[in-house]
Amino acid sequence: MSTEIDEIDRRLLAELQRDGTLSVDQLSERVALSRNACWRRVKRLEEEGVITGRVALVDADKLGLGLSVFILIRTSNHDPDWLQKFRAAVTGFAEITGVYRMSGDLDYVLRARVTDVKAYDRLYQRLIAKVALSDVSASFVMEEIKETTMVPVELR
């Protein structure tokens, strides 16, 4: 089911992505909508699954998780049992913050947050103990130039 998203919904979504703590009063003022209409729209967007949650964004460096790692995986096994085992493994590690099945040369790209290279090696050892992988390499982020959770909702 495709949800109809109009310009007002897009403005609401943009504002909520910038600051999920806004009250309905503050949000309605920012998008020039009555409080009740604003509340109804936000509730509809939640019910339709457009808004999937509200979170606090945390500074990983301040938690000692300053190393961001992209783990590049190739596998020769693509059967359903292997995939189930792989999914269970990667979703079970708190350090792994993103898992993507890819087209092209790589099969999977994982993103992880760890304290340092030694912590990455421990993660790697735990991962390969849980699931057979043909080729694993890692790229360590030297500088985060742009990092956002915002989905572009404004019409272009």
N, C-alpha and C. Protein backbone atom coordinates (compact mmCIF):
# COMPACT_ATOMS: atom_id res chain seq x y z
N MET A 1 0.84 -1.17 0.00
CA MET A 1 0.00 0.00 0.00
C MET A 1 0.89 1.24 0.00
N SER A 2 0.69 2.11 -0.96
CA SER A 2 1.46 3.35 -1.06
C SER A 2 0.71 4.46 -0.33
N THR A 3 1.40 5.12 0.57
CA THR A 3 0.82 6.21 1.33
C THR A 3 0.93 7.49 0.53
N GLU A 4 -0.14 8.26 0.51
CA GLU A 4 -0.12 9.56 -0.16
C GLU A 4 0.53 10.57 0.76
N ILE A 5 1.67 11.09 0.34
CA ILE A 5 2.42 12.05 1.13
C ILE A 5 2.36 13.40 0.41
N ASP A 6 1.70 14.35 1.04
CA ASP A 6 1.60 15.67 0.42
C ASP A 6 2.67 16.60 0.98
N GLU A 7 2.65 17.85 0.55
CA GLU A 7 3.67 18.82 0.95
C GLU A 7 3.66 19.06 2.47
N ILE A 8 2.49 19.09 3.08
CA ILE A 8 2.42 19.31 4.53
C ILE A 8 3.03 18.12 5.27
N ASP A 9 2.70 16.90 4.84
CA ASP A 9 3.30 15.72 5.45
C ASP A 9 4.82 15.77 5.33
N ARG A 10 5.31 16.19 4.17
CA ARG A 10 6.76 16.27 3.97
C ARG A 10 7.40 17.28 4.91
N ARG A 11 6.72 18.40 5.12
CA ARG A 11 7.26 19.40 6.06
C ARG A 11 7.24 18.85 7.49
N LEU A 12 6.16 18.15 7.85
CA LEU A 12 6.09 17.51 9.17
C LEU A 12 7.23 16.51 9.36
N LEU A 13 7.44 15.68 8.36
CA LEU A 13 8.49 14.67 8.44
C LEU A 13 9.87 15.31 8.54
N ALA A 14 10.09 16.36 7.77
CA ALA A 14 11.38 17.05 7.82
C ALA A 14 11.63 17.62 9.21
N GLU A 15 10.62 18.26 9.79
CA GLU A 15 10.77 18.84 11.13
C GLU A 15 10.99 17.77 12.19
N LEU A 16 10.24 16.68 12.11
CA LEU A 16 10.41 15.61 13.09
C LEU A 16 11.77 14.93 12.96
N GLN A 17 12.29 14.84 11.74
CA GLN A 17 13.62 14.27 11.57
C GLN A 17 14.71 15.19 12.14
N ARG A 18 14.47 16.48 12.07
CA ARG A 18 15.44 17.43 12.65
C ARG A 18 15.37 17.40 14.18
N ASP A 19 14.15 17.23 14.73
CA ASP A 19 13.98 17.24 16.19
C ASP A 19 12.75 16.44 16.56
N GLY A 20 12.96 15.20 16.94
CA GLY A 20 11.86 14.30 17.30
C GLY A 20 11.23 14.62 18.64
N THR A 21 11.78 15.59 19.37
CA THR A 21 11.22 15.94 20.68
C THR A 21 10.21 17.08 20.60
N LEU A 22 9.95 17.60 19.42
CA LEU A 22 9.01 18.72 19.29
C LEU A 22 7.63 18.32 19.80
N SER A 23 7.02 19.22 20.54
CA SER A 23 5.64 19.00 20.97
C SER A 23 4.73 19.22 19.77
N VAL A 24 3.50 18.77 19.86
CA VAL A 24 2.53 18.99 18.78
C VAL A 24 2.34 20.49 18.56
N ASP A 25 2.33 21.26 19.64
CA ASP A 25 2.18 22.71 19.51
C ASP A 25 3.35 23.31 18.72
N GLN A 26 4.56 22.93 19.08
CA GLN A 26 5.73 23.45 18.36
C GLN A 26 5.72 23.01 16.90
N LEU A 27 5.39 21.76 16.67
CA LEU A 27 5.37 21.22 15.31
C LEU A 27 4.30 21.91 14.47
N SER A 28 3.14 22.09 15.03
CA SER A 28 2.05 22.74 14.28
C SER A 28 2.42 24.18 13.92
N GLU A 29 3.12 24.86 14.81
CA GLU A 29 3.57 26.23 14.54
C GLU A 29 4.58 26.25 13.39
N ARG A 30 5.50 25.29 13.40
CA ARG A 30 6.55 25.27 12.37
C ARG A 30 6.01 24.96 10.97
N VAL A 31 4.93 24.19 10.91
CA VAL A 31 4.38 23.84 9.58
C VAL A 31 3.10 24.60 9.26
N ALA A 32 2.75 25.56 10.11
CA ALA A 32 1.57 26.41 9.89
C ALA A 32 0.30 25.58 9.72
N LEU A 33 0.03 24.77 10.73
CA LEU A 33 -1.13 23.89 10.72
C LEU A 33 -1.74 23.94 12.11
N SER A 34 -3.05 23.74 12.22
CA SER A 34 -3.66 23.73 13.55
C SER A 34 -3.13 22.54 14.35
N ARG A 35 -3.20 22.68 15.66
CA ARG A 35 -2.70 21.63 16.56
C ARG A 35 -3.37 20.30 16.27
N ASN A 36 -4.69 20.28 16.17
CA ASN A 36 -5.43 19.03 15.96
C ASN A 36 -5.12 18.41 14.60
N ALA A 37 -5.06 19.23 13.56
CA ALA A 37 -4.74 18.71 12.22
C ALA A 37 -3.33 18.14 12.21
N CYS A 38 -2.43 18.81 12.89
CA CYS A 38 -1.04 18.34 12.97
C CYS A 38 -0.99 16.99 13.69
N TRP A 39 -1.65 16.89 14.82
CA TRP A 39 -1.68 15.66 15.59
C TRP A 39 -2.26 14.51 14.77
N ARG A 40 -3.37 14.77 14.06
CA ARG A 40 -4.00 13.73 13.22
C ARG A 40 -3.05 13.25 12.13
N ARG A 41 -2.35 14.18 11.50
CA ARG A 41 -1.41 13.81 10.43
C ARG A 41 -0.25 12.96 10.97
N VAL A 42 0.30 13.37 12.10
CA VAL A 42 1.40 12.60 12.68
C VAL A 42 0.91 11.20 13.05
N LYS A 43 -0.25 11.09 13.67
CA LYS A 43 -0.81 9.79 14.03
C LYS A 43 -1.02 8.92 12.79
N ARG A 44 -1.54 9.52 11.71
CA ARG A 44 -1.75 8.77 10.46
C ARG A 44 -0.42 8.28 9.89
N LEU A 45 0.59 9.16 9.91
CA LEU A 45 1.91 8.77 9.40
C LEU A 45 2.52 7.64 10.24
N GLU A 46 2.25 7.64 11.53
CA GLU A 46 2.71 6.54 12.39
C GLU A 46 1.94 5.26 12.08
N GLU A 47 0.62 5.35 11.99
CA GLU A 47 -0.21 4.18 11.73
C GLU A 47 0.09 3.55 10.38
N GLU A 48 0.42 4.38 9.39
CA GLU A 48 0.72 3.87 8.05
C GLU A 48 2.17 3.42 7.90
N GLY A 49 2.95 3.54 8.97
CA GLY A 49 4.32 3.06 8.95
C GLY A 49 5.31 3.98 8.26
N VAL A 50 4.90 5.21 7.97
CA VAL A 50 5.84 6.18 7.40
C VAL A 50 6.81 6.62 8.50
N ILE A 51 6.27 6.94 9.66
CA ILE A 51 7.10 7.20 10.84
C ILE A 51 7.22 5.86 11.56
N THR A 52 8.44 5.34 11.61
CA THR A 52 8.64 3.99 12.15
C THR A 52 9.14 4.00 13.59
N GLY A 53 9.49 5.16 14.11
CA GLY A 53 9.96 5.25 15.49
C GLY A 53 10.55 6.61 15.76
N ARG A 54 10.84 6.87 17.01
CA ARG A 54 11.49 8.11 17.42
C ARG A 54 12.61 7.72 18.36
N VAL A 55 13.78 8.27 18.10
CA VAL A 55 14.97 7.85 18.84
C VAL A 55 15.79 9.05 19.28
N ALA A 56 16.71 8.80 20.19
CA ALA A 56 17.72 9.78 20.55
C ALA A 56 18.99 9.39 19.81
N LEU A 57 19.62 10.36 19.16
CA LEU A 57 20.87 10.10 18.46
C LEU A 57 22.01 10.29 19.46
N VAL A 58 22.96 9.36 19.45
CA VAL A 58 24.01 9.33 20.45
C VAL A 58 25.36 9.54 19.77
N ASP A 59 26.23 10.30 20.40
CA ASP A 59 27.58 10.53 19.90
C ASP A 59 28.44 9.32 20.25
N ALA A 60 28.77 8.52 19.24
CA ALA A 60 29.53 7.28 19.46
C ALA A 60 30.90 7.55 20.06
N ASP A 61 31.54 8.65 19.65
CA ASP A 61 32.86 8.99 20.21
C ASP A 61 32.79 9.16 21.73
N LYS A 62 31.74 9.81 22.20
CA LYS A 62 31.63 10.06 23.64
C LYS A 62 31.35 8.79 24.43
N LEU A 63 30.96 7.73 23.73
CA LEU A 63 30.78 6.42 24.38
C LEU A 63 31.98 5.52 24.19
N GLY A 64 33.04 6.08 23.60
CA GLY A 64 34.24 5.29 23.37
C GLY A 64 34.17 4.39 22.16
N LEU A 65 33.22 4.63 21.28
CA LEU A 65 33.05 3.82 20.07
C LEU A 65 33.44 4.65 18.85
N GLY A 66 34.66 5.15 18.86
CA GLY A 66 35.10 6.10 17.85
C GLY A 66 35.51 5.51 16.52
N LEU A 67 35.62 4.19 16.42
CA LEU A 67 36.05 3.60 15.16
C LEU A 67 34.85 3.03 14.41
N SER A 68 34.60 3.59 13.25
CA SER A 68 33.54 3.11 12.37
C SER A 68 34.19 2.23 11.31
N VAL A 69 33.61 1.05 11.11
CA VAL A 69 34.19 0.05 10.21
C VAL A 69 33.15 -0.41 9.21
N PHE A 70 33.56 -0.49 7.95
CA PHE A 70 32.74 -1.13 6.93
C PHE A 70 33.35 -2.49 6.66
N ILE A 71 32.56 -3.53 6.84
CA ILE A 71 33.02 -4.90 6.67
C ILE A 71 32.46 -5.41 5.35
N LEU A 72 33.35 -5.81 4.45
CA LEU A 72 32.99 -6.21 3.10
C LEU A 72 33.05 -7.73 3.01
N ILE A 73 31.94 -8.35 2.63
CA ILE A 73 31.84 -9.81 2.68
C ILE A 73 31.47 -10.38 1.32
N ARG A 74 32.18 -11.44 0.97
CA ARG A 74 31.82 -12.27 -0.17
C ARG A 74 31.59 -13.68 0.38
N THR A 75 30.61 -14.35 -0.19
CA THR A 75 30.35 -15.72 0.22
C THR A 75 30.07 -16.57 -1.01
N SER A 76 30.43 -17.82 -0.92
CA SER A 76 30.13 -18.74 -2.03
C SER A 76 28.86 -19.52 -1.73
N ASN A 77 28.31 -19.32 -0.56
CA ASN A 77 27.12 -20.05 -0.15
C ASN A 77 25.93 -19.09 -0.10
N HIS A 78 24.88 -19.44 -0.83
CA HIS A 78 23.69 -18.58 -0.86
C HIS A 78 22.41 -19.35 -0.56
N ASP A 79 22.55 -20.52 0.06
CA ASP A 79 21.35 -21.31 0.31
C ASP A 79 20.58 -20.77 1.52
N PRO A 80 19.30 -21.10 1.63
CA PRO A 80 18.45 -20.55 2.70
C PRO A 80 18.97 -20.83 4.12
N ASP A 81 19.53 -22.00 4.35
CA ASP A 81 20.04 -22.31 5.70
C ASP A 81 21.20 -21.40 6.06
N TRP A 82 22.12 -21.19 5.10
CA TRP A 82 23.25 -20.31 5.35
C TRP A 82 22.75 -18.89 5.63
N LEU A 83 21.81 -18.42 4.80
CA LEU A 83 21.29 -17.07 4.96
C LEU A 83 20.63 -16.88 6.32
N GLN A 84 19.89 -17.87 6.78
CA GLN A 84 19.26 -17.78 8.10
C GLN A 84 20.33 -17.70 9.19
N LYS A 85 21.37 -18.49 9.06
CA LYS A 85 22.47 -18.48 10.04
C LYS A 85 23.19 -17.12 10.00
N PHE A 86 23.42 -16.60 8.80
CA PHE A 86 24.09 -15.31 8.64
C PHE A 86 23.25 -14.20 9.27
N ARG A 87 21.95 -14.17 8.95
CA ARG A 87 21.07 -13.15 9.52
C ARG A 87 21.07 -13.20 11.05
N ALA A 88 20.98 -14.40 11.59
CA ALA A 88 20.97 -14.54 13.05
C ALA A 88 22.29 -14.04 13.64
N ALA A 89 23.39 -14.34 12.97
CA ALA A 89 24.70 -13.91 13.48
C ALA A 89 24.82 -12.39 13.46
N VAL A 90 24.59 -11.78 12.30
CA VAL A 90 24.84 -10.33 12.20
C VAL A 90 23.85 -9.50 12.99
N THR A 91 22.62 -9.96 13.12
CA THR A 91 21.65 -9.20 13.92
C THR A 91 21.87 -9.38 15.41
N GLY A 92 22.68 -10.36 15.78
CA GLY A 92 22.95 -10.63 17.19
C GLY A 92 24.10 -9.84 17.78
N PHE A 93 24.84 -9.10 16.95
CA PHE A 93 25.98 -8.33 17.44
C PHE A 93 25.59 -6.86 17.57
N ALA A 94 25.64 -6.33 18.78
CA ALA A 94 25.28 -4.93 18.99
C ALA A 94 26.22 -3.99 18.23
N GLU A 95 27.46 -4.39 18.04
CA GLU A 95 28.43 -3.53 17.35
C GLU A 95 28.08 -3.31 15.88
N ILE A 96 27.36 -4.26 15.30
CA ILE A 96 26.99 -4.15 13.88
C ILE A 96 25.73 -3.30 13.79
N THR A 97 25.87 -2.13 13.18
CA THR A 97 24.77 -1.17 13.14
C THR A 97 24.05 -1.12 11.81
N GLY A 98 24.57 -1.80 10.81
CA GLY A 98 23.92 -1.85 9.50
C GLY A 98 24.37 -3.07 8.74
N VAL A 99 23.43 -3.71 8.04
CA VAL A 99 23.74 -4.89 7.23
C VAL A 99 23.00 -4.74 5.91
N TYR A 100 23.75 -4.85 4.81
CA TYR A 100 23.18 -4.61 3.49
C TYR A 100 23.58 -5.72 2.53
N ARG A 101 22.59 -6.33 1.86
CA ARG A 101 22.87 -7.28 0.78
C ARG A 101 23.05 -6.47 -0.48
N MET A 102 24.12 -6.74 -1.20
CA MET A 102 24.53 -5.88 -2.30
C MET A 102 24.38 -6.56 -3.65
N SER A 103 24.30 -5.74 -4.68
CA SER A 103 24.45 -6.23 -6.05
C SER A 103 25.92 -6.03 -6.42
N GLY A 104 26.34 -6.67 -7.47
CA GLY A 104 27.71 -6.46 -7.93
C GLY A 104 28.70 -7.40 -7.29
N ASP A 105 29.93 -6.94 -7.12
CA ASP A 105 31.06 -7.76 -6.70
C ASP A 105 30.96 -8.24 -5.26
N LEU A 106 30.41 -7.42 -4.37
CA LEU A 106 30.28 -7.79 -2.96
C LEU A 106 28.92 -8.42 -2.71
N ASP A 107 28.87 -9.32 -1.74
CA ASP A 107 27.59 -9.90 -1.35
C ASP A 107 26.92 -9.11 -0.22
N TYR A 108 27.73 -8.71 0.76
CA TYR A 108 27.19 -7.97 1.91
C TYR A 108 28.17 -6.89 2.35
N VAL A 109 27.62 -5.80 2.84
CA VAL A 109 28.41 -4.76 3.50
C VAL A 109 27.79 -4.58 4.88
N LEU A 110 28.63 -4.60 5.89
CA LEU A 110 28.20 -4.39 7.26
C LEU A 110 28.87 -3.12 7.77
N ARG A 111 28.16 -2.41 8.61
CA ARG A 111 28.75 -1.26 9.28
C ARG A 111 28.79 -1.57 10.76
N ALA A 112 29.92 -1.29 11.37
CA ALA A 112 30.06 -1.56 12.80
C ALA A 112 30.69 -0.37 13.49
N ARG A 113 30.43 -0.25 14.79
CA ARG A 113 31.04 0.76 15.65
C ARG A 113 31.76 0.02 16.76
N VAL A 114 33.06 0.28 16.89
CA VAL A 114 33.88 -0.38 17.89
C VAL A 114 34.84 0.63 18.52
N THR A 115 35.51 0.20 19.59
CA THR A 115 36.43 1.11 20.27
C THR A 115 37.72 1.30 19.51
N ASP A 116 38.24 0.21 18.93
CA ASP A 116 39.54 0.28 18.25
C ASP A 116 39.71 -0.94 17.35
N VAL A 117 40.87 -1.07 16.72
CA VAL A 117 41.14 -2.17 15.80
C VAL A 117 41.10 -3.52 16.53
N LYS A 118 41.58 -3.56 17.75
CA LYS A 118 41.52 -4.82 18.52
C LYS A 118 40.07 -5.25 18.75
N ALA A 119 39.22 -4.30 19.04
CA ALA A 119 37.80 -4.62 19.23
C ALA A 119 37.19 -5.10 17.92
N TYR A 120 37.60 -4.51 16.81
CA TYR A 120 37.13 -5.00 15.51
C TYR A 120 37.58 -6.45 15.32
N ASP A 121 38.83 -6.76 15.64
CA ASP A 121 39.33 -8.12 15.46
C ASP A 121 38.54 -9.11 16.30
N ARG A 122 38.17 -8.73 17.51
CA ARG A 122 37.35 -9.61 18.35
C ARG A 122 35.98 -9.83 17.70
N LEU A 123 35.39 -8.76 17.15
CA LEU A 123 34.11 -8.89 16.45
C LEU A 123 34.26 -9.83 15.25
N TYR A 124 35.32 -9.63 14.48
CA TYR A 124 35.58 -10.48 13.31
C TYR A 124 35.70 -11.95 13.73
N GLN A 125 36.44 -12.23 14.77
CA GLN A 125 36.63 -13.61 15.24
C GLN A 125 35.30 -14.23 15.67
N ARG A 126 34.49 -13.46 16.37
CA ARG A 126 33.17 -13.96 16.80
C ARG A 126 32.27 -14.20 15.59
N LEU A 127 32.34 -13.32 14.59
CA LEU A 127 31.50 -13.46 13.40
C LEU A 127 31.86 -14.72 12.62
N ILE A 128 33.14 -14.93 12.34
CA ILE A 128 33.53 -16.09 11.53
C ILE A 128 33.35 -17.41 12.30
N ALA A 129 33.27 -17.33 13.62
CA ALA A 129 32.99 -18.53 14.40
C ALA A 129 31.52 -18.94 14.27
N LYS A 130 30.67 -17.99 13.95
CA LYS A 130 29.23 -18.26 13.84
C LYS A 130 28.77 -18.64 12.44
N VAL A 131 29.46 -18.13 11.41
CA VAL A 131 28.99 -18.37 10.04
C VAL A 131 30.19 -18.42 9.10
N ALA A 132 30.15 -19.35 8.16
CA ALA A 132 31.25 -19.51 7.19
C ALA A 132 31.17 -18.40 6.14
N LEU A 133 32.29 -17.70 5.94
CA LEU A 133 32.38 -16.62 4.96
C LEU A 133 33.57 -16.89 4.05
N SER A 134 33.42 -16.62 2.74
CA SER A 134 34.50 -16.87 1.79
C SER A 134 35.59 -15.83 1.87
N ASP A 135 35.21 -14.57 1.98
CA ASP A 135 36.18 -13.49 1.96
C ASP A 135 35.64 -12.34 2.79
N VAL A 136 36.44 -11.87 3.73
CA VAL A 136 36.05 -10.75 4.58
C VAL A 136 37.19 -9.74 4.57
N SER A 137 36.84 -8.49 4.31
CA SER A 137 37.83 -7.42 4.45
C SER A 137 37.15 -6.27 5.15
N ALA A 138 37.96 -5.37 5.67
CA ALA A 138 37.41 -4.23 6.41
C ALA A 138 38.06 -2.95 5.96
N SER A 139 37.26 -1.91 5.95
CA SER A 139 37.77 -0.56 5.70
C SER A 139 37.39 0.28 6.91
N PHE A 140 38.39 0.97 7.46
CA PHE A 140 38.19 1.79 8.64
C PHE A 140 37.99 3.23 8.22
N VAL A 141 36.98 3.86 8.78
CA VAL A 141 36.65 5.25 8.45
C VAL A 141 37.69 6.17 9.08
N MET A 142 38.32 6.97 8.24
CA MET A 142 39.32 7.92 8.71
C MET A 142 38.68 9.24 9.12
N GLU A 143 37.63 9.64 8.39
CA GLU A 143 36.92 10.88 8.68
C GLU A 143 35.48 10.74 8.22
N GLU A 144 34.55 11.08 9.09
CA GLU A 144 33.14 11.10 8.72
C GLU A 144 32.82 12.49 8.20
N ILE A 145 32.60 12.57 6.91
CA ILE A 145 32.32 13.87 6.29
C ILE A 145 30.84 14.20 6.38
N LYS A 146 30.00 13.20 6.21
CA LYS A 146 28.56 13.39 6.39
C LYS A 146 27.99 12.10 6.97
N GLU A 147 27.21 12.26 8.02
CA GLU A 147 26.55 11.14 8.67
C GLU A 147 25.18 11.64 9.09
N THR A 148 24.14 11.04 8.57
CA THR A 148 22.80 11.49 8.91
C THR A 148 21.84 10.30 8.93
N THR A 149 20.79 10.46 9.69
CA THR A 149 19.70 9.48 9.67
C THR A 149 18.51 10.03 8.89
N MET A 150 18.63 11.27 8.44
CA MET A 150 17.49 11.92 7.76
C MET A 150 17.27 11.36 6.37
N VAL A 151 16.01 11.08 6.07
CA VAL A 151 15.59 10.68 4.72
C VAL A 151 15.16 11.96 4.02
N PRO A 152 15.62 12.20 2.80
CA PRO A 152 15.23 13.44 2.11
C PRO A 152 13.75 13.43 1.75
N VAL A 153 12.97 14.26 2.41
CA VAL A 153 11.52 14.26 2.20
C VAL A 153 11.01 15.46 1.44
N GLU A 154 11.84 16.51 1.34
CA GLU A 154 11.39 17.68 0.62
C GLU A 154 11.31 17.38 -0.88
N LEU A 155 10.28 17.90 -1.51
CA LEU A 155 10.13 17.73 -2.97
C LEU A 155 11.21 18.53 -3.67
N ARG A 156 11.71 17.98 -4.74
CA ARG A 156 12.77 18.67 -5.50
C ARG A 156 12.19 19.19 -6.79
